[in-house]
């Protein structure tokens, strides 16, 4: 059964950033629907840095939904680093937004008042690797994560961007190298935000809720959550106009790359060619593109695997207007 960790959460009032933390938590609790999804172990990474607000808002939403979530993300912005992976080095300068002090001389670190928030002084893929192998297991009695999420990225990751994205790279690593079902999230509303920005911009809260809704749909579909060697590449539209209300967002099954010479996609919405994720996310209809990606090459997965995802999440998807 789902559970909320917030009813019993006690935070000392004298810790730095506590008022920001409480305010953000209260807003997210007000936005989130009633808990009805099984709570699972989730490892969370990104490429924009561990102190980026999109990521922190999403982390808060996952925790508020009852999931046991551990964040392991780069100490600073590492966008565009694709699948780069290197052992973390001792950090001598302050972390992103001064979120960790200078001269820690440690390769990894954490927020001591919230130890499930962790930084890794390396790339997004390295952060995901350390999260799965080293950082998260002690919180879970040695157990592995049941799901990996990455992002939301600040800005889109569609088509050719997918191959260079550290957000996608982290999800692909989890799916291919650690056999953990994975989802990469990106939000088209750009502009970086510090973790302690107040008031929390609407775009960060909306992305957190919409991403959490998809996570809950995947979890509710039952295990295995996704086929092997598959990741979901999710792009959320700009938060503006009617798209400032998360209830107006709808999900569309899409594909990553142009399908001119590709095999047929799964038959859906009267056609065997899914729409491109770029055209979906860039529409004016609050549409979220959900592409079934192949973790071997970061292109669109074959129709057999698309079909599995469609059957599991059929009630979630809508057709293009």
C-alpha atoms as a PDB file:
ATOM      1  CA  UNK A   1       0.000   0.000   0.000  1.00  0.00           C
ATOM      2  CA  UNK A   2       1.075   3.557  -0.561  1.00  0.00           C
ATOM      3  CA  UNK A   3       2.230   5.534   2.399  1.00  0.00           C
ATOM      4  CA  UNK A   4       3.044   9.149   3.131  1.00  0.00           C
ATOM      5  CA  UNK A   5       6.285   9.938   4.924  1.00  0.00           C
ATOM      6  CA  UNK A   6       5.234  13.489   5.628  1.00  0.00           C
ATOM      7  CA  UNK A   7       2.827  12.954   8.501  1.00  0.00           C
ATOM      8  CA  UNK A   8       5.636  11.812  10.782  1.00  0.00           C
ATOM      9  CA  UNK A   9       8.466  13.910   9.348  1.00  0.00           C
ATOM     10  CA  UNK A  10      10.144  16.103  11.933  1.00  0.00           C
ATOM     11  CA  UNK A  11      12.578  18.790  10.774  1.00  0.00           C
ATOM     12  CA  UNK A  12      14.562  20.904  13.267  1.00  0.00           C
ATOM     13  CA  UNK A  13      13.510  24.531  12.852  1.00  0.00           C
ATOM     14  CA  UNK A  14      17.039  25.903  13.124  1.00  0.00           C
ATOM     15  CA  UNK A  15      18.497  24.115  10.097  1.00  0.00           C
ATOM     16  CA  UNK A  16      19.405  26.252   7.059  1.00  0.00           C
ATOM     17  CA  UNK A  17      16.693  26.318   4.401  1.00  0.00           C
ATOM     18  CA  UNK A  18      14.073  24.643   6.586  1.00  0.00           C
ATOM     19  CA  UNK A  19      11.420  27.297   5.912  1.00  0.00           C
ATOM     20  CA  UNK A  20      11.978  26.886   2.161  1.00  0.00           C
ATOM     21  CA  UNK A  21      11.765  23.112   2.564  1.00  0.00           C
ATOM     22  CA  UNK A  22       8.532  23.326   4.573  1.00  0.00           C
ATOM     23  CA  UNK A  23       6.897  25.776   2.169  1.00  0.00           C
ATOM     24  CA  UNK A  24       7.771  23.692  -0.881  1.00  0.00           C
ATOM     25  CA  UNK A  25       6.552  20.543   0.852  1.00  0.00           C
ATOM     26  CA  UNK A  26       3.224  22.105   1.803  1.00  0.00           C
ATOM     27  CA  UNK A  27       2.632  23.304  -1.759  1.00  0.00           C
ATOM     28  CA  UNK A  28       3.413  19.878  -3.204  1.00  0.00           C
ATOM     29  CA  UNK A  29       1.162  18.127  -0.710  1.00  0.00           C
ATOM     30  CA  UNK A  30      -1.676  20.415  -1.708  1.00  0.00           C
ATOM     31  CA  UNK A  31      -1.100  19.640  -5.397  1.00  0.00           C
ATOM     32  CA  UNK A  32      -0.717  15.880  -5.163  1.00  0.00           C
ATOM     33  CA  UNK A  33      -3.815  13.659  -5.434  1.00  0.00           C
ATOM     34  CA  UNK A  34      -4.784  11.122  -2.787  1.00  0.00           C
ATOM     35  CA  UNK A  35      -2.163   8.401  -2.391  1.00  0.00           C
ATOM     36  CA  UNK A  36      -3.156   5.137  -4.018  1.00  0.00           C
ATOM     37  CA  UNK A  37       0.044   3.846  -5.608  1.00  0.00           C
ATOM     38  CA  UNK A  38       2.375   1.242  -4.143  1.00  0.00           C
ATOM     39  CA  UNK A  39       5.449   2.858  -2.600  1.00  0.00           C
ATOM     40  CA  UNK A  40       8.730   1.677  -4.126  1.00  0.00           C
ATOM     41  CA  UNK A  41      12.486   2.314  -3.988  1.00  0.00           C
ATOM     42  CA  UNK A  42      13.529   4.965  -6.509  1.00  0.00           C
ATOM     43  CA  UNK A  43      17.022   6.181  -7.423  1.00  0.00           C
ATOM     44  CA  UNK A  44      17.043   9.720  -8.808  1.00  0.00           C
ATOM     45  CA  UNK A  45      19.715  11.512 -10.869  1.00  0.00           C
ATOM     46  CA  UNK A  46      19.977  14.422 -13.304  1.00  0.00           C
ATOM     47  CA  UNK A  47      22.555  16.339 -15.335  1.00  0.00           C
ATOM     48  CA  UNK A  48      21.784  19.907 -14.205  1.00  0.00           C
ATOM     49  CA  UNK A  49      23.233  19.395 -10.730  1.00  0.00           C
ATOM     50  CA  UNK A  50      22.001  18.090  -7.404  1.00  0.00           C
ATOM     51  CA  UNK A  51      20.863  21.550  -6.251  1.00  0.00           C
ATOM     52  CA  UNK A  52      18.750  22.366  -9.321  1.00  0.00           C
ATOM     53  CA  UNK A  53      15.178  23.183  -8.277  1.00  0.00           C
ATOM     54  CA  UNK A  54      13.415  21.080 -10.931  1.00  0.00           C
ATOM     55  CA  UNK A  55      15.136  18.046  -9.475  1.00  0.00           C
ATOM     56  CA  UNK A  56      14.487  18.990  -5.859  1.00  0.00           C
ATOM     57  CA  UNK A  57      10.784  19.655  -6.536  1.00  0.00           C
ATOM     58  CA  UNK A  58      10.459  16.271  -8.237  1.00  0.00           C
ATOM     59  CA  UNK A  59      12.262  14.584  -5.355  1.00  0.00           C
ATOM     60  CA  UNK A  60       9.841  16.229  -2.908  1.00  0.00           C
ATOM     61  CA  UNK A  61       6.859  15.067  -4.984  1.00  0.00           C
ATOM     62  CA  UNK A  62       8.089  11.467  -5.089  1.00  0.00           C
ATOM     63  CA  UNK A  63       8.629  11.452  -1.330  1.00  0.00           C
ATOM     64  CA  UNK A  64       5.230  13.051  -0.763  1.00  0.00           C
ATOM     65  CA  UNK A  65       3.701  10.258  -2.874  1.00  0.00           C
ATOM     66  CA  UNK A  66       5.228   7.757  -0.456  1.00  0.00           C
ATOM     67  CA  UNK A  67       8.204   6.527  -2.465  1.00  0.00           C
ATOM     68  CA  UNK A  68      11.553   5.845  -0.809  1.00  0.00           C
ATOM     69  CA  UNK A  69      13.642   8.082  -3.036  1.00  0.00           C
ATOM     70  CA  UNK A  70      17.395   8.691  -2.952  1.00  0.00           C
ATOM     71  CA  UNK A  71      18.978  11.460  -5.028  1.00  0.00           C
ATOM     72  CA  UNK A  72      22.502  11.030  -6.411  1.00  0.00           C
ATOM     73  CA  UNK A  73      23.364  13.778  -8.878  1.00  0.00           C
ATOM     74  CA  UNK A  74      26.396  15.798 -10.019  1.00  0.00           C
ATOM     75  CA  UNK A  75      27.817  18.404  -7.656  1.00  0.00           C
ATOM     76  CA  UNK A  76      27.505  20.967 -10.454  1.00  0.00           C
ATOM     77  CA  UNK A  77      25.799  21.370 -13.815  1.00  0.00           C
ATOM     78  CA  UNK A  78      27.000  18.632 -16.170  1.00  0.00           C
ATOM     79  CA  UNK A  79      24.542  19.108 -19.026  1.00  0.00           C
ATOM     80  CA  UNK A  80      25.446  17.695 -22.409  1.00  0.00           C
ATOM     81  CA  UNK A  81      27.841  15.050 -21.123  1.00  0.00           C
ATOM     82  CA  UNK A  82      25.898  12.147 -22.636  1.00  0.00           C
ATOM     83  CA  UNK A  83      27.130   8.789 -21.301  1.00  0.00           C
ATOM     84  CA  UNK A  84      30.480  10.012 -19.952  1.00  0.00           C
ATOM     85  CA  UNK A  85      31.553   8.129 -16.841  1.00  0.00           C
ATOM     86  CA  UNK A  86      34.642   8.740 -14.674  1.00  0.00           C
ATOM     87  CA  UNK A  87      35.485   8.111 -11.064  1.00  0.00           C
ATOM     88  CA  UNK A  88      34.641  11.172  -8.943  1.00  0.00           C
ATOM     89  CA  UNK A  89      37.540  13.283  -7.709  1.00  0.00           C
ATOM     90  CA  UNK A  90      37.892  15.121  -4.371  1.00  0.00           C
ATOM     91  CA  UNK A  91      36.008  18.416  -4.545  1.00  0.00           C
ATOM     92  CA  UNK A  92      37.843  21.591  -3.587  1.00  0.00           C
ATOM     93  CA  UNK A  93      35.361  24.284  -4.690  1.00  0.00           C
ATOM     94  CA  UNK A  94      31.835  24.901  -3.444  1.00  0.00           C
ATOM     95  CA  UNK A  95      29.038  22.914  -5.077  1.00  0.00           C
ATOM     96  CA  UNK A  96      26.456  24.436  -7.365  1.00  0.00           C
ATOM     97  CA  UNK A  97      24.629  27.413  -5.800  1.00  0.00           C
ATOM     98  CA  UNK A  98      26.984  27.087  -2.794  1.00  0.00           C
ATOM     99  CA  UNK A  99      25.032  23.960  -1.841  1.00  0.00           C
ATOM    100  CA  UNK A 100      28.139  22.364  -0.361  1.00  0.00           C
ATOM    101  CA  UNK A 101      31.148  24.174   1.125  1.00  0.00           C
ATOM    102  CA  UNK A 102      34.527  24.521  -0.550  1.00  0.00           C
ATOM    103  CA  UNK A 103      37.395  22.220   0.387  1.00  0.00           C
ATOM    104  CA  UNK A 104      35.351  19.202   1.348  1.00  0.00           C
ATOM    105  CA  UNK A 105      38.093  17.180  -0.385  1.00  0.00           C
ATOM    106  CA  UNK A 106      35.581  14.384  -0.847  1.00  0.00           C
ATOM    107  CA  UNK A 107      34.458  12.743  -4.096  1.00  0.00           C
ATOM    108  CA  UNK A 108      30.856  12.423  -2.867  1.00  0.00           C
ATOM    109  CA  UNK A 109      28.828  14.152  -0.194  1.00  0.00           C
ATOM    110  CA  UNK A 110      25.335  14.659   1.128  1.00  0.00           C
ATOM    111  CA  UNK A 111      22.974  17.049   2.822  1.00  0.00           C
ATOM    112  CA  UNK A 112      23.481  16.139   6.473  1.00  0.00           C
ATOM    113  CA  UNK A 113      19.991  17.338   7.436  1.00  0.00           C
ATOM    114  CA  UNK A 114      18.462  15.309   4.581  1.00  0.00           C
ATOM    115  CA  UNK A 115      20.892  12.458   3.838  1.00  0.00           C
ATOM    116  CA  UNK A 116      18.883  11.096   0.928  1.00  0.00           C
ATOM    117  CA  UNK A 117      20.109  14.133  -1.040  1.00  0.00           C
ATOM    118  CA  UNK A 118      23.597  13.303  -2.357  1.00  0.00           C
ATOM    119  CA  UNK A 119      26.149  14.833  -4.711  1.00  0.00           C
ATOM    120  CA  UNK A 120      28.808  13.093  -6.771  1.00  0.00           C
ATOM    121  CA  UNK A 121      31.755  15.065  -8.145  1.00  0.00           C
ATOM    122  CA  UNK A 122      31.540  13.648 -11.643  1.00  0.00           C
ATOM    123  CA  UNK A 123      29.152  13.028 -14.538  1.00  0.00           C
ATOM    124  CA  UNK A 124      25.429  12.147 -14.530  1.00  0.00           C
ATOM    125  CA  UNK A 125      26.116   8.522 -15.465  1.00  0.00           C
ATOM    126  CA  UNK A 126      28.691   8.283 -12.680  1.00  0.00           C
ATOM    127  CA  UNK A 127      26.165   9.764 -10.279  1.00  0.00           C
ATOM    128  CA  UNK A 128      23.568   7.177 -11.269  1.00  0.00           C
ATOM    129  CA  UNK A 129      26.171   4.408 -10.959  1.00  0.00           C
ATOM    130  CA  UNK A 130      27.238   5.531  -7.498  1.00  0.00           C
ATOM    131  CA  UNK A 131      23.619   6.002  -6.509  1.00  0.00           C
ATOM    132  CA  UNK A 132      22.678   2.458  -7.462  1.00  0.00           C
ATOM    133  CA  UNK A 133      25.859   0.706  -6.296  1.00  0.00           C
ATOM    134  CA  UNK A 134      27.040   2.710  -3.285  1.00  0.00           C
ATOM    135  CA  UNK A 135      24.835   5.512  -1.977  1.00  0.00           C
ATOM    136  CA  UNK A 136      21.313   4.089  -1.958  1.00  0.00           C
ATOM    137  CA  UNK A 137      21.767   0.462  -0.761  1.00  0.00           C
ATOM    138  CA  UNK A 138      22.426   1.408   2.909  1.00  0.00           C
ATOM    139  CA  UNK A 139      19.040   3.160   3.015  1.00  0.00           C
ATOM    140  CA  UNK A 140      17.350   0.047   1.636  1.00  0.00           C
ATOM    141  CA  UNK A 141      19.031  -2.708   3.653  1.00  0.00           C
ATOM    142  CA  UNK A 142      21.194  -3.596   0.670  1.00  0.00           C
ATOM    143  CA  UNK A 143      18.308  -3.842  -1.777  1.00  0.00           C
ATOM    144  CA  UNK A 144      18.460  -2.485  -5.321  1.00  0.00           C
ATOM    145  CA  UNK A 145      16.253   0.305  -6.655  1.00  0.00           C
ATOM    146  CA  UNK A 146      13.000  -0.733  -8.279  1.00  0.00           C
ATOM    147  CA  UNK A 147      12.901   2.268 -10.587  1.00  0.00           C
ATOM    148  CA  UNK A 148      15.365   4.910 -11.793  1.00  0.00           C
ATOM    149  CA  UNK A 149      14.349   8.432 -12.753  1.00  0.00           C
ATOM    150  CA  UNK A 150      16.452  11.231 -14.184  1.00  0.00           C
ATOM    151  CA  UNK A 151      15.605  14.943 -14.300  1.00  0.00           C
ATOM    152  CA  UNK A 152      13.501  16.824 -15.042  1.00  0.00           C
ATOM    153  CA  UNK A 153      16.110  18.364 -17.283  1.00  0.00           C
ATOM    154  CA  UNK A 154      16.042  22.140 -17.688  1.00  0.00           C
ATOM    155  CA  UNK A 155      15.149  22.260 -21.379  1.00  0.00           C
ATOM    156  CA  UNK A 156      14.093  19.672 -23.935  1.00  0.00           C
ATOM    157  CA  UNK A 157      15.732  16.384 -24.894  1.00  0.00           C
ATOM    158  CA  UNK A 158      14.226  15.403 -28.224  1.00  0.00           C
ATOM    159  CA  UNK A 159      15.549  13.695 -31.359  1.00  0.00           C
ATOM    160  CA  UNK A 160      19.295  14.408 -31.792  1.00  0.00           C
ATOM    161  CA  UNK A 161      19.489  16.039 -28.336  1.00  0.00           C
ATOM    162  CA  UNK A 162      18.843  12.619 -26.817  1.00  0.00           C
ATOM    163  CA  UNK A 163      22.289  11.338 -27.799  1.00  0.00           C
ATOM    164  CA  UNK A 164      24.100  14.191 -26.019  1.00  0.00           C
ATOM    165  CA  UNK A 165      21.922  14.463 -22.941  1.00  0.00           C
ATOM    166  CA  UNK A 166      23.357  13.548 -19.557  1.00  0.00           C
ATOM    167  CA  UNK A 167      19.795  13.231 -18.254  1.00  0.00           C
ATOM    168  CA  UNK A 168      19.092  10.554 -20.841  1.00  0.00           C
ATOM    169  CA  UNK A 169      22.560   9.048 -20.377  1.00  0.00           C
ATOM    170  CA  UNK A 170      21.884   8.439 -16.683  1.00  0.00           C
ATOM    171  CA  UNK A 171      18.565   6.712 -17.404  1.00  0.00           C
ATOM    172  CA  UNK A 172      20.092   4.602 -20.171  1.00  0.00           C
ATOM    173  CA  UNK A 173      22.887   3.470 -17.850  1.00  0.00           C
ATOM    174  CA  UNK A 174      20.352   2.324 -15.251  1.00  0.00           C
ATOM    175  CA  UNK A 175      18.293   0.422 -17.829  1.00  0.00           C
ATOM    176  CA  UNK A 176      21.137  -1.197 -19.761  1.00  0.00           C
ATOM    177  CA  UNK A 177      23.944  -1.674 -17.255  1.00  0.00           C
ATOM    178  CA  UNK A 178      21.990  -2.268 -14.040  1.00  0.00           C
ATOM    179  CA  UNK A 179      18.711  -3.660 -15.405  1.00  0.00           C
ATOM    180  CA  UNK A 180      16.684  -1.048 -13.524  1.00  0.00           C
ATOM    181  CA  UNK A 181      13.635   0.273 -15.402  1.00  0.00           C
ATOM    182  CA  UNK A 182      14.289   3.945 -16.082  1.00  0.00           C
ATOM    183  CA  UNK A 183      12.565   7.166 -17.107  1.00  0.00           C
ATOM    184  CA  UNK A 184      14.257  10.368 -18.316  1.00  0.00           C
ATOM    185  CA  UNK A 185      12.232  13.558 -17.843  1.00  0.00           C
ATOM    186  CA  UNK A 186      12.855  16.929 -19.517  1.00  0.00           C
ATOM    187  CA  UNK A 187      10.913  20.186 -19.288  1.00  0.00           C
ATOM    188  CA  UNK A 188      10.797  22.666 -22.177  1.00  0.00           C
ATOM    189  CA  UNK A 189      10.543  25.672 -19.844  1.00  0.00           C
ATOM    190  CA  UNK A 190      14.184  26.695 -19.564  1.00  0.00           C
ATOM    191  CA  UNK A 191      16.160  28.746 -17.061  1.00  0.00           C
ATOM    192  CA  UNK A 192      18.089  27.239 -14.163  1.00  0.00           C
ATOM    193  CA  UNK A 193      16.803  27.687 -10.614  1.00  0.00           C
ATOM    194  CA  UNK A 194      18.570  27.301  -7.277  1.00  0.00           C
ATOM    195  CA  UNK A 195      17.236  24.739  -4.829  1.00  0.00           C
ATOM    196  CA  UNK A 196      16.271  27.441  -2.305  1.00  0.00           C
ATOM    197  CA  UNK A 197      14.457  29.801  -4.688  1.00  0.00           C
ATOM    198  CA  UNK A 198      11.348  31.265  -3.061  1.00  0.00           C
ATOM    199  CA  UNK A 199       8.588  31.356  -3.908  1.00  0.00           C
ATOM    200  CA  UNK A 200       8.972  28.181  -5.920  1.00  0.00           C
ATOM    201  CA  UNK A 201       8.168  29.005  -9.577  1.00  0.00           C
ATOM    202  CA  UNK A 202       5.046  27.374 -10.951  1.00  0.00           C
ATOM    203  CA  UNK A 203       6.985  25.558 -13.669  1.00  0.00           C
ATOM    204  CA  UNK A 204       9.023  23.613 -11.136  1.00  0.00           C
ATOM    205  CA  UNK A 205       5.941  22.529  -9.168  1.00  0.00           C
ATOM    206  CA  UNK A 206       3.934  21.632 -12.270  1.00  0.00           C
ATOM    207  CA  UNK A 207       6.734  19.520 -13.723  1.00  0.00           C
ATOM    208  CA  UNK A 208       7.110  17.746 -10.386  1.00  0.00           C
ATOM    209  CA  UNK A 209       3.440  16.823 -10.248  1.00  0.00           C
ATOM    210  CA  UNK A 210       3.120  15.740 -13.879  1.00  0.00           C
ATOM    211  CA  UNK A 211       6.300  13.640 -13.701  1.00  0.00           C
ATOM    212  CA  UNK A 212       5.119  12.060 -10.468  1.00  0.00           C
ATOM    213  CA  UNK A 213       1.805  11.162 -12.131  1.00  0.00           C
ATOM    214  CA  UNK A 214       3.634   9.234 -14.844  1.00  0.00           C
ATOM    215  CA  UNK A 215       5.807   7.468 -12.275  1.00  0.00           C
ATOM    216  CA  UNK A 216       2.714   6.400 -10.370  1.00  0.00           C
ATOM    217  CA  UNK A 217       1.086   5.133 -13.575  1.00  0.00           C
ATOM    218  CA  UNK A 218       4.168   3.034 -14.367  1.00  0.00           C
ATOM    219  CA  UNK A 219       4.275   1.647 -10.832  1.00  0.00           C
ATOM    220  CA  UNK A 220       0.537   0.921 -10.829  1.00  0.00           C
ATOM    221  CA  UNK A 221       0.941  -1.079 -14.057  1.00  0.00           C
ATOM    222  CA  UNK A 222       2.859  -3.709 -12.076  1.00  0.00           C
ATOM    223  CA  UNK A 223       6.215  -5.419 -12.428  1.00  0.00           C
ATOM    224  CA  UNK A 224       8.125  -5.660 -14.635  1.00  0.00           C
ATOM    225  CA  UNK A 225       7.524  -1.933 -15.029  1.00  0.00           C
ATOM    226  CA  UNK A 226       9.229  -1.760 -18.455  1.00  0.00           C
ATOM    227  CA  UNK A 227      10.701  -4.264 -20.927  1.00  0.00           C
ATOM    228  CA  UNK A 228      14.423  -4.986 -20.688  1.00  0.00           C
ATOM    229  CA  UNK A 229      16.844  -2.587 -22.412  1.00  0.00           C
ATOM    230  CA  UNK A 230      14.156   0.066 -22.611  1.00  0.00           C
ATOM    231  CA  UNK A 231      13.859   3.540 -21.131  1.00  0.00           C
ATOM    232  CA  UNK A 232      11.110   6.122 -21.414  1.00  0.00           C
ATOM    233  CA  UNK A 233      12.114   9.515 -22.798  1.00  0.00           C
ATOM    234  CA  UNK A 234       9.574  12.056 -21.554  1.00  0.00           C
ATOM    235  CA  UNK A 235       9.364  15.697 -22.629  1.00  0.00           C
ATOM    236  CA  UNK A 236       7.013  18.055 -20.822  1.00  0.00           C
ATOM    237  CA  UNK A 237       5.763  21.165 -22.661  1.00  0.00           C
ATOM    238  CA  UNK A 238       6.363  24.748 -21.595  1.00  0.00           C
ATOM    239  CA  UNK A 239       4.481  25.806 -18.481  1.00  0.00           C
ATOM    240  CA  UNK A 240       2.542  28.792 -19.766  1.00  0.00           C
ATOM    241  CA  UNK A 241      -1.058  29.797 -20.421  1.00  0.00           C
ATOM    242  CA  UNK A 242      -3.453  26.912 -19.813  1.00  0.00           C
ATOM    243  CA  UNK A 243      -0.422  24.693 -19.245  1.00  0.00           C
ATOM    244  CA  UNK A 244       0.151  26.233 -15.818  1.00  0.00           C
ATOM    245  CA  UNK A 245      -2.555  23.846 -14.556  1.00  0.00           C
ATOM    246  CA  UNK A 246      -1.152  20.307 -14.234  1.00  0.00           C
ATOM    247  CA  UNK A 247      -4.629  18.854 -14.714  1.00  0.00           C
ATOM    248  CA  UNK A 248      -4.550  20.050 -18.349  1.00  0.00           C
ATOM    249  CA  UNK A 249      -1.536  17.905 -19.238  1.00  0.00           C
ATOM    250  CA  UNK A 250      -2.099  14.811 -21.363  1.00  0.00           C
ATOM    251  CA  UNK A 251       0.310  12.047 -22.372  1.00  0.00           C
ATOM    252  CA  UNK A 252       0.986  11.005 -25.973  1.00  0.00           C
ATOM    253  CA  UNK A 253       2.905   7.903 -27.045  1.00  0.00           C
ATOM    254  CA  UNK A 254       5.632   9.108 -29.411  1.00  0.00           C
ATOM    255  CA  UNK A 255       8.915   8.160 -31.046  1.00  0.00           C
ATOM    256  CA  UNK A 256      12.411   9.685 -30.687  1.00  0.00           C
ATOM    257  CA  UNK A 257      13.799   9.736 -34.228  1.00  0.00           C
ATOM    258  CA  UNK A 258      12.302  10.270 -37.672  1.00  0.00           C
ATOM    259  CA  UNK A 259      10.770   7.019 -38.887  1.00  0.00           C
ATOM    260  CA  UNK A 260      11.120   7.476 -42.643  1.00  0.00           C
ATOM    261  CA  UNK A 261      13.148   4.284 -43.120  1.00  0.00           C
ATOM    262  CA  UNK A 262      12.275   2.590 -39.836  1.00  0.00           C
ATOM    263  CA  UNK A 263      10.119  -0.454 -39.283  1.00  0.00           C
ATOM    264  CA  UNK A 264       6.500   0.141 -38.359  1.00  0.00           C
ATOM    265  CA  UNK A 265       5.608   1.331 -34.879  1.00  0.00           C
ATOM    266  CA  UNK A 266       2.924  -0.206 -32.688  1.00  0.00           C
ATOM    267  CA  UNK A 267      -0.552   0.407 -34.093  1.00  0.00           C
ATOM    268  CA  UNK A 268      -2.103   3.226 -32.079  1.00  0.00           C
ATOM    269  CA  UNK A 269      -4.597   6.004 -32.736  1.00  0.00           C
ATOM    270  CA  UNK A 270      -5.369   4.604 -36.187  1.00  0.00           C
ATOM    271  CA  UNK A 271      -1.811   4.475 -37.506  1.00  0.00           C
ATOM    272  CA  UNK A 272       1.375   2.420 -37.330  1.00  0.00           C
ATOM    273  CA  UNK A 273       3.625   5.500 -37.228  1.00  0.00           C
ATOM    274  CA  UNK A 274       3.849   7.277 -33.883  1.00  0.00           C
ATOM    275  CA  UNK A 275       4.275  11.064 -33.828  1.00  0.00           C
ATOM    276  CA  UNK A 276       7.703  12.570 -33.274  1.00  0.00           C
ATOM    277  CA  UNK A 277       8.263  13.599 -29.673  1.00  0.00           C
ATOM    278  CA  UNK A 278       9.415  17.051 -30.780  1.00  0.00           C
ATOM    279  CA  UNK A 279       6.131  17.778 -32.546  1.00  0.00           C
ATOM    280  CA  UNK A 280       4.149  16.555 -29.545  1.00  0.00           C
ATOM    281  CA  UNK A 281       5.967  18.513 -26.841  1.00  0.00           C
ATOM    282  CA  UNK A 282       6.123  21.692 -28.948  1.00  0.00           C
ATOM    283  CA  UNK A 283       2.358  21.775 -29.520  1.00  0.00           C
ATOM    284  CA  UNK A 284       0.045  24.241 -27.756  1.00  0.00           C
ATOM    285  CA  UNK A 285      -2.111  21.542 -26.184  1.00  0.00           C
ATOM    286  CA  UNK A 286      -0.227  20.716 -22.942  1.00  0.00           C
ATOM    287  CA  UNK A 287       0.892  17.403 -24.441  1.00  0.00           C
ATOM    288  CA  UNK A 288       3.630  15.312 -22.838  1.00  0.00           C
ATOM    289  CA  UNK A 289       5.594  13.116 -25.243  1.00  0.00           C
ATOM    290  CA  UNK A 290       6.432   9.633 -23.971  1.00  0.00           C
ATOM    291  CA  UNK A 291       8.841   7.761 -26.240  1.00  0.00           C
ATOM    292  CA  UNK A 292       9.875   4.154 -25.723  1.00  0.00           C
ATOM    293  CA  UNK A 293      13.632   4.298 -26.195  1.00  0.00           C
ATOM    294  CA  UNK A 294      16.125   1.551 -26.966  1.00  0.00           C
ATOM    295  CA  UNK A 295      18.823   1.616 -24.271  1.00  0.00           C
ATOM    296  CA  UNK A 296      21.331   0.080 -26.689  1.00  0.00           C
ATOM    297  CA  UNK A 297      21.478   3.063 -29.055  1.00  0.00           C
ATOM    298  CA  UNK A 298      19.100   5.755 -27.662  1.00  0.00           C
ATOM    299  CA  UNK A 299      16.771   5.511 -30.655  1.00  0.00           C
ATOM    300  CA  UNK A 300      13.146   4.402 -30.786  1.00  0.00           C
ATOM    301  CA  UNK A 301      12.542   0.890 -29.467  1.00  0.00           C
ATOM    302  CA  UNK A 302      10.922  -1.689 -31.773  1.00  0.00           C
ATOM    303  CA  UNK A 303       7.157  -2.036 -31.937  1.00  0.00           C
ATOM    304  CA  UNK A 304       7.129  -5.205 -29.832  1.00  0.00           C
ATOM    305  CA  UNK A 305       8.444  -3.234 -26.862  1.00  0.00           C
ATOM    306  CA  UNK A 306       6.285  -0.234 -27.672  1.00  0.00           C
ATOM    307  CA  UNK A 307       3.306  -2.592 -27.573  1.00  0.00           C
ATOM    308  CA  UNK A 308       4.179  -3.766 -24.063  1.00  0.00           C
ATOM    309  CA  UNK A 309       4.343  -0.190 -22.793  1.00  0.00           C
ATOM    310  CA  UNK A 310       1.128   0.756 -24.593  1.00  0.00           C
ATOM    311  CA  UNK A 311      -0.758  -2.166 -23.061  1.00  0.00           C
ATOM    312  CA  UNK A 312       0.527  -1.354 -19.578  1.00  0.00           C
ATOM    313  CA  UNK A 313      -0.250   2.367 -19.835  1.00  0.00           C
ATOM    314  CA  UNK A 314      -3.109   2.403 -22.344  1.00  0.00           C
ATOM    315  CA  UNK A 315      -5.433   4.283 -19.996  1.00  0.00           C
ATOM    316  CA  UNK A 316      -2.881   7.092 -19.708  1.00  0.00           C
ATOM    317  CA  UNK A 317      -2.313   7.896 -23.370  1.00  0.00           C
ATOM    318  CA  UNK A 318      -4.384  10.164 -25.582  1.00  0.00           C
ATOM    319  CA  UNK A 319      -4.343  10.658 -29.349  1.00  0.00           C
ATOM    320  CA  UNK A 320      -3.208  13.870 -30.993  1.00  0.00           C
ATOM    321  CA  UNK A 321      -6.033  16.386 -31.517  1.00  0.00           C
END
